[in-house]
N, C-alpha and C. Protein backbone atom coordinates (compact mmCIF):
# COMPACT_ATOMS: atom_id res chain seq x y z
N MET A 1 16.59 -64.22 -112.79
CA MET A 1 15.27 -64.24 -112.20
C MET A 1 14.24 -63.67 -113.18
N TYR A 2 14.64 -62.61 -113.90
CA TYR A 2 13.69 -62.01 -114.84
C TYR A 2 13.44 -62.92 -116.04
N LEU A 3 14.40 -63.75 -116.38
CA LEU A 3 14.21 -64.68 -117.49
C LEU A 3 13.12 -65.69 -117.16
N ILE A 4 13.10 -66.15 -115.94
CA ILE A 4 12.05 -67.08 -115.49
C ILE A 4 10.69 -66.38 -115.50
N ALA A 5 10.65 -65.14 -115.04
CA ALA A 5 9.40 -64.38 -115.03
C ALA A 5 8.87 -64.17 -116.44
N ILE A 6 9.77 -63.84 -117.37
CA ILE A 6 9.34 -63.65 -118.76
C ILE A 6 8.82 -64.96 -119.35
N GLY A 7 9.51 -66.06 -119.05
CA GLY A 7 9.05 -67.37 -119.53
C GLY A 7 7.69 -67.74 -118.97
N TRP A 8 7.48 -67.47 -117.68
CA TRP A 8 6.19 -67.79 -117.07
C TRP A 8 5.06 -66.95 -117.67
N ILE A 9 5.32 -65.67 -117.87
CA ILE A 9 4.30 -64.81 -118.48
C ILE A 9 3.98 -65.30 -119.89
N TYR A 10 4.99 -65.75 -120.63
CA TYR A 10 4.76 -66.27 -121.99
C TYR A 10 3.87 -67.51 -121.94
N VAL A 11 4.15 -68.42 -121.03
CA VAL A 11 3.35 -69.65 -120.91
C VAL A 11 1.91 -69.29 -120.55
N VAL A 12 1.74 -68.40 -119.60
CA VAL A 12 0.38 -68.02 -119.18
C VAL A 12 -0.34 -67.28 -120.29
N LEU A 13 0.38 -66.46 -121.05
CA LEU A 13 -0.22 -65.77 -122.19
C LEU A 13 -0.71 -66.78 -123.23
N MET A 14 0.09 -67.79 -123.49
CA MET A 14 -0.32 -68.83 -124.44
C MET A 14 -1.53 -69.61 -123.91
N MET A 15 -1.58 -69.86 -122.61
CA MET A 15 -2.76 -70.51 -122.02
C MET A 15 -3.99 -69.63 -122.19
N SER A 16 -3.82 -68.32 -122.01
CA SER A 16 -4.95 -67.40 -122.15
C SER A 16 -5.42 -67.32 -123.60
N VAL A 17 -4.49 -67.32 -124.54
CA VAL A 17 -4.86 -67.30 -125.96
C VAL A 17 -5.59 -68.57 -126.32
N ALA A 18 -5.12 -69.71 -125.83
CA ALA A 18 -5.80 -70.98 -126.10
C ALA A 18 -7.21 -70.97 -125.50
N GLU A 19 -7.34 -70.39 -124.33
CA GLU A 19 -8.67 -70.29 -123.69
C GLU A 19 -9.60 -69.40 -124.51
N ALA A 20 -9.08 -68.28 -124.99
CA ALA A 20 -9.92 -67.33 -125.74
C ALA A 20 -10.32 -67.89 -127.10
N LEU A 21 -9.43 -68.63 -127.76
CA LEU A 21 -9.71 -69.14 -129.10
C LEU A 21 -10.40 -70.49 -129.10
N SER A 22 -10.52 -71.09 -127.96
CA SER A 22 -11.19 -72.39 -127.87
C SER A 22 -12.69 -72.23 -128.13
N THR A 23 -13.31 -73.29 -128.65
CA THR A 23 -14.75 -73.22 -128.93
C THR A 23 -15.57 -73.17 -127.64
N GLN A 24 -15.05 -73.72 -126.58
CA GLN A 24 -15.77 -73.70 -125.31
C GLN A 24 -15.25 -72.61 -124.37
N GLY A 25 -14.20 -71.90 -124.75
CA GLY A 25 -13.61 -70.87 -123.89
C GLY A 25 -14.21 -69.50 -124.15
N THR A 26 -13.95 -68.59 -123.26
CA THR A 26 -14.41 -67.21 -123.40
C THR A 26 -13.24 -66.25 -123.18
N VAL A 27 -13.45 -65.02 -123.60
CA VAL A 27 -12.43 -63.99 -123.39
C VAL A 27 -12.32 -63.67 -121.90
N LEU A 28 -13.45 -63.68 -121.20
CA LEU A 28 -13.42 -63.44 -119.76
C LEU A 28 -12.61 -64.53 -119.05
N GLY A 29 -12.78 -65.75 -119.48
CA GLY A 29 -12.00 -66.86 -118.92
C GLY A 29 -10.51 -66.68 -119.20
N ALA A 30 -10.19 -66.17 -120.40
CA ALA A 30 -8.79 -65.93 -120.74
C ALA A 30 -8.19 -64.84 -119.85
N VAL A 31 -8.95 -63.79 -119.60
CA VAL A 31 -8.47 -62.70 -118.74
C VAL A 31 -8.28 -63.20 -117.32
N VAL A 32 -9.24 -63.96 -116.82
CA VAL A 32 -9.13 -64.51 -115.47
C VAL A 32 -7.94 -65.45 -115.38
N THR A 33 -7.73 -66.27 -116.39
CA THR A 33 -6.58 -67.17 -116.42
C THR A 33 -5.28 -66.38 -116.38
N PHE A 34 -5.19 -65.33 -117.18
CA PHE A 34 -3.96 -64.54 -117.22
C PHE A 34 -3.69 -63.85 -115.89
N VAL A 35 -4.73 -63.33 -115.27
CA VAL A 35 -4.54 -62.61 -114.00
C VAL A 35 -4.24 -63.58 -112.86
N LEU A 36 -5.04 -64.66 -112.75
CA LEU A 36 -4.89 -65.55 -111.61
C LEU A 36 -3.72 -66.53 -111.75
N TYR A 37 -3.36 -66.92 -112.96
CA TYR A 37 -2.22 -67.81 -113.15
C TYR A 37 -0.93 -67.06 -113.43
N GLY A 38 -1.04 -65.83 -113.92
CA GLY A 38 0.15 -65.13 -114.34
C GLY A 38 0.52 -63.93 -113.49
N LEU A 39 -0.28 -62.89 -113.55
CA LEU A 39 0.10 -61.62 -112.92
C LEU A 39 0.15 -61.70 -111.39
N LEU A 40 -0.88 -62.26 -110.79
CA LEU A 40 -0.94 -62.29 -109.33
C LEU A 40 0.18 -63.13 -108.71
N PRO A 41 0.36 -64.39 -109.10
CA PRO A 41 1.45 -65.16 -108.49
C PRO A 41 2.83 -64.61 -108.82
N LEU A 42 3.00 -64.13 -110.04
CA LEU A 42 4.30 -63.60 -110.44
C LEU A 42 4.64 -62.33 -109.67
N SER A 43 3.66 -61.48 -109.43
CA SER A 43 3.93 -60.27 -108.66
C SER A 43 4.32 -60.61 -107.23
N ILE A 44 3.69 -61.60 -106.65
CA ILE A 44 4.03 -62.02 -105.28
C ILE A 44 5.45 -62.59 -105.24
N VAL A 45 5.78 -63.45 -106.19
CA VAL A 45 7.10 -64.07 -106.21
C VAL A 45 8.19 -63.01 -106.44
N LEU A 46 7.97 -62.10 -107.37
CA LEU A 46 8.96 -61.06 -107.62
C LEU A 46 9.12 -60.14 -106.42
N TYR A 47 8.04 -59.86 -105.71
CA TYR A 47 8.13 -59.03 -104.51
C TYR A 47 8.96 -59.74 -103.44
N ILE A 48 8.72 -61.03 -103.24
CA ILE A 48 9.45 -61.77 -102.21
C ILE A 48 10.92 -61.88 -102.58
N PHE A 49 11.22 -62.20 -103.83
CA PHE A 49 12.62 -62.33 -104.23
C PHE A 49 13.33 -60.98 -104.33
N GLY A 50 12.59 -59.90 -104.41
CA GLY A 50 13.21 -58.58 -104.46
C GLY A 50 13.48 -57.98 -103.09
N THR A 51 13.05 -58.65 -102.02
CA THR A 51 13.23 -58.12 -100.68
C THR A 51 14.70 -57.92 -100.31
N PRO A 52 15.60 -58.87 -100.57
CA PRO A 52 17.01 -58.62 -100.22
C PRO A 52 17.60 -57.42 -100.96
N LEU A 53 17.23 -57.23 -102.20
CA LEU A 53 17.73 -56.09 -102.96
C LEU A 53 17.23 -54.78 -102.36
N ARG A 54 15.95 -54.73 -101.99
CA ARG A 54 15.42 -53.52 -101.38
C ARG A 54 16.10 -53.24 -100.04
N ARG A 55 16.37 -54.31 -99.28
CA ARG A 55 17.04 -54.14 -97.98
C ARG A 55 18.46 -53.60 -98.18
N ARG A 56 19.19 -54.13 -99.16
CA ARG A 56 20.54 -53.63 -99.43
C ARG A 56 20.52 -52.18 -99.86
N GLN A 57 19.56 -51.81 -100.69
CA GLN A 57 19.46 -50.42 -101.13
C GLN A 57 19.14 -49.50 -99.97
N ARG A 58 18.24 -49.93 -99.07
CA ARG A 58 17.89 -49.11 -97.92
C ARG A 58 19.09 -48.93 -96.99
N LEU A 59 19.84 -50.01 -96.74
CA LEU A 59 21.01 -49.91 -95.88
C LEU A 59 22.09 -49.04 -96.51
N ALA A 60 22.24 -49.12 -97.83
CA ALA A 60 23.22 -48.27 -98.51
C ALA A 60 22.83 -46.81 -98.41
N GLN A 61 21.53 -46.50 -98.55
CA GLN A 61 21.08 -45.12 -98.41
C GLN A 61 21.28 -44.61 -96.99
N GLU A 62 21.00 -45.47 -95.99
CA GLU A 62 21.21 -45.06 -94.60
C GLU A 62 22.69 -44.82 -94.32
N ALA A 63 23.55 -45.69 -94.85
CA ALA A 63 24.99 -45.51 -94.65
C ALA A 63 25.47 -44.24 -95.33
N GLN A 64 24.94 -43.96 -96.51
CA GLN A 64 25.33 -42.76 -97.22
C GLN A 64 24.87 -41.51 -96.45
N ALA A 65 23.66 -41.56 -95.90
CA ALA A 65 23.16 -40.43 -95.12
C ALA A 65 23.98 -40.26 -93.84
N GLU A 66 24.37 -41.37 -93.23
CA GLU A 66 25.18 -41.30 -92.02
C GLU A 66 26.56 -40.73 -92.32
N GLN A 67 27.14 -41.11 -93.45
CA GLN A 67 28.44 -40.56 -93.83
C GLN A 67 28.33 -39.06 -94.11
N ALA A 68 27.21 -38.66 -94.72
CA ALA A 68 27.02 -37.25 -95.02
C ALA A 68 26.89 -36.44 -93.73
N THR A 69 26.16 -36.96 -92.75
CA THR A 69 26.01 -36.23 -91.49
C THR A 69 27.31 -36.23 -90.70
N SER A 70 28.08 -37.31 -90.74
CA SER A 70 29.35 -37.33 -90.03
C SER A 70 30.36 -36.41 -90.70
N ALA A 71 30.28 -36.29 -92.02
CA ALA A 71 31.17 -35.36 -92.72
C ALA A 71 30.81 -33.91 -92.38
N GLU A 72 29.53 -33.63 -92.22
CA GLU A 72 29.10 -32.29 -91.87
C GLU A 72 29.55 -31.93 -90.46
N THR A 73 29.48 -32.87 -89.52
CA THR A 73 29.89 -32.59 -88.16
C THR A 73 31.40 -32.49 -88.05
N ALA A 74 32.14 -33.19 -88.91
CA ALA A 74 33.60 -33.11 -88.88
C ALA A 74 34.08 -31.76 -89.42
N VAL A 75 33.30 -31.14 -90.27
CA VAL A 75 33.69 -29.86 -90.86
C VAL A 75 33.56 -28.73 -89.85
N THR A 76 32.57 -28.79 -88.98
CA THR A 76 32.36 -27.70 -88.02
C THR A 76 33.44 -27.71 -86.96
N THR A 77 33.84 -26.57 -86.52
CA THR A 77 34.84 -26.45 -85.46
C THR A 77 34.13 -26.31 -84.13
N PRO A 78 34.82 -26.55 -83.02
CA PRO A 78 34.16 -26.43 -81.71
C PRO A 78 33.63 -25.04 -81.43
N SER A 79 34.23 -24.00 -81.99
CA SER A 79 33.73 -22.65 -81.75
C SER A 79 32.40 -22.41 -82.45
N GLU A 80 32.10 -23.20 -83.50
CA GLU A 80 30.86 -23.02 -84.23
C GLU A 80 29.70 -23.80 -83.62
N THR A 81 29.97 -24.75 -82.74
CA THR A 81 28.90 -25.54 -82.16
C THR A 81 28.14 -24.71 -81.15
N PRO A 82 26.83 -24.85 -81.08
CA PRO A 82 26.05 -24.05 -80.12
C PRO A 82 26.33 -24.51 -78.70
N ALA A 83 26.22 -23.57 -77.77
CA ALA A 83 26.43 -23.87 -76.37
C ALA A 83 25.28 -24.71 -75.85
N GLU A 84 25.62 -25.71 -75.04
CA GLU A 84 24.59 -26.58 -74.50
C GLU A 84 24.03 -25.96 -73.22
N THR A 85 22.74 -25.96 -73.13
CA THR A 85 22.11 -25.40 -71.95
C THR A 85 21.87 -26.51 -70.95
N PRO A 86 21.91 -26.20 -69.64
CA PRO A 86 21.70 -27.24 -68.63
C PRO A 86 20.32 -27.87 -68.70
N SER A 87 19.33 -27.18 -69.23
CA SER A 87 17.99 -27.74 -69.26
C SER A 87 17.84 -28.83 -70.32
N THR A 88 18.65 -28.80 -71.36
CA THR A 88 18.52 -29.81 -72.41
C THR A 88 19.46 -30.98 -72.21
N THR A 89 20.69 -30.73 -71.77
CA THR A 89 21.65 -31.82 -71.54
C THR A 89 22.32 -31.61 -70.19
N PRO A 90 21.75 -32.12 -69.12
CA PRO A 90 22.31 -31.87 -67.80
C PRO A 90 23.62 -32.61 -67.53
N ASP A 91 23.84 -33.76 -68.16
CA ASP A 91 25.06 -34.50 -67.92
C ASP A 91 25.43 -35.30 -69.16
N SER A 92 26.45 -36.10 -69.06
CA SER A 92 26.93 -36.85 -70.22
C SER A 92 26.06 -38.07 -70.53
N ARG A 93 25.09 -38.37 -69.70
CA ARG A 93 24.23 -39.53 -69.95
C ARG A 93 23.12 -39.21 -70.94
N SER A 94 23.10 -38.03 -71.47
CA SER A 94 22.16 -37.54 -72.48
C SER A 94 20.70 -37.71 -72.07
N LYS A 95 20.44 -37.54 -70.80
CA LYS A 95 19.05 -37.53 -70.34
C LYS A 95 18.62 -36.08 -70.16
N THR A 96 17.41 -35.81 -70.50
CA THR A 96 16.92 -34.45 -70.36
C THR A 96 16.57 -34.17 -68.89
N ALA A 97 16.34 -32.91 -68.57
CA ALA A 97 16.06 -32.53 -67.20
C ALA A 97 14.77 -33.15 -66.69
N GLY A 98 13.83 -33.44 -67.59
CA GLY A 98 12.58 -34.06 -67.18
C GLY A 98 12.77 -35.48 -66.70
N ASP A 99 13.86 -36.14 -67.09
CA ASP A 99 14.12 -37.51 -66.69
C ASP A 99 14.99 -37.61 -65.45
N ALA A 100 15.31 -36.51 -64.81
CA ALA A 100 16.24 -36.53 -63.69
C ALA A 100 15.67 -37.22 -62.47
N VAL A 101 14.39 -37.11 -62.22
CA VAL A 101 13.78 -37.70 -61.03
C VAL A 101 12.85 -38.81 -61.47
N ALA A 102 13.05 -39.98 -60.89
CA ALA A 102 12.19 -41.11 -61.24
C ALA A 102 10.94 -41.06 -60.38
N THR A 103 9.82 -41.45 -60.96
CA THR A 103 8.58 -41.45 -60.21
C THR A 103 8.51 -42.73 -59.40
N VAL A 104 8.11 -42.61 -58.13
CA VAL A 104 8.03 -43.75 -57.26
C VAL A 104 6.64 -44.34 -57.27
N GLY A 105 5.66 -43.53 -57.22
CA GLY A 105 4.29 -44.01 -57.23
C GLY A 105 3.40 -43.03 -56.51
N LYS A 106 2.15 -43.37 -56.38
CA LYS A 106 1.21 -42.48 -55.71
C LYS A 106 1.35 -42.63 -54.20
N GLU A 107 1.22 -41.50 -53.54
CA GLU A 107 1.27 -41.53 -52.08
C GLU A 107 -0.15 -41.77 -51.56
N PRO A 108 -0.30 -42.48 -50.42
CA PRO A 108 -1.65 -42.77 -49.90
C PRO A 108 -2.37 -41.59 -49.35
């Protein structure tokens, strides 16, 4: 993928040099040509094609963090875990005490 990007930048650079050295061309035109034909489209294409790699790296980091936290919890013994208070975990459904009663609506 990078070989294609390098080739495209080379072609656009040569177009910009031809624009700058032409009798009817200008340096400003060469800069605009390089930016609009080269840098801008190439940056968009490289960003799009790099998305799967970024996603794999993010998932690998999340998996590594999850393994680290599971290793930390496996090391602790039950006597080291803090006691659970009824106000924070009333039952095994992991709902807090504030969620125990459902609201029905306003009374008339």
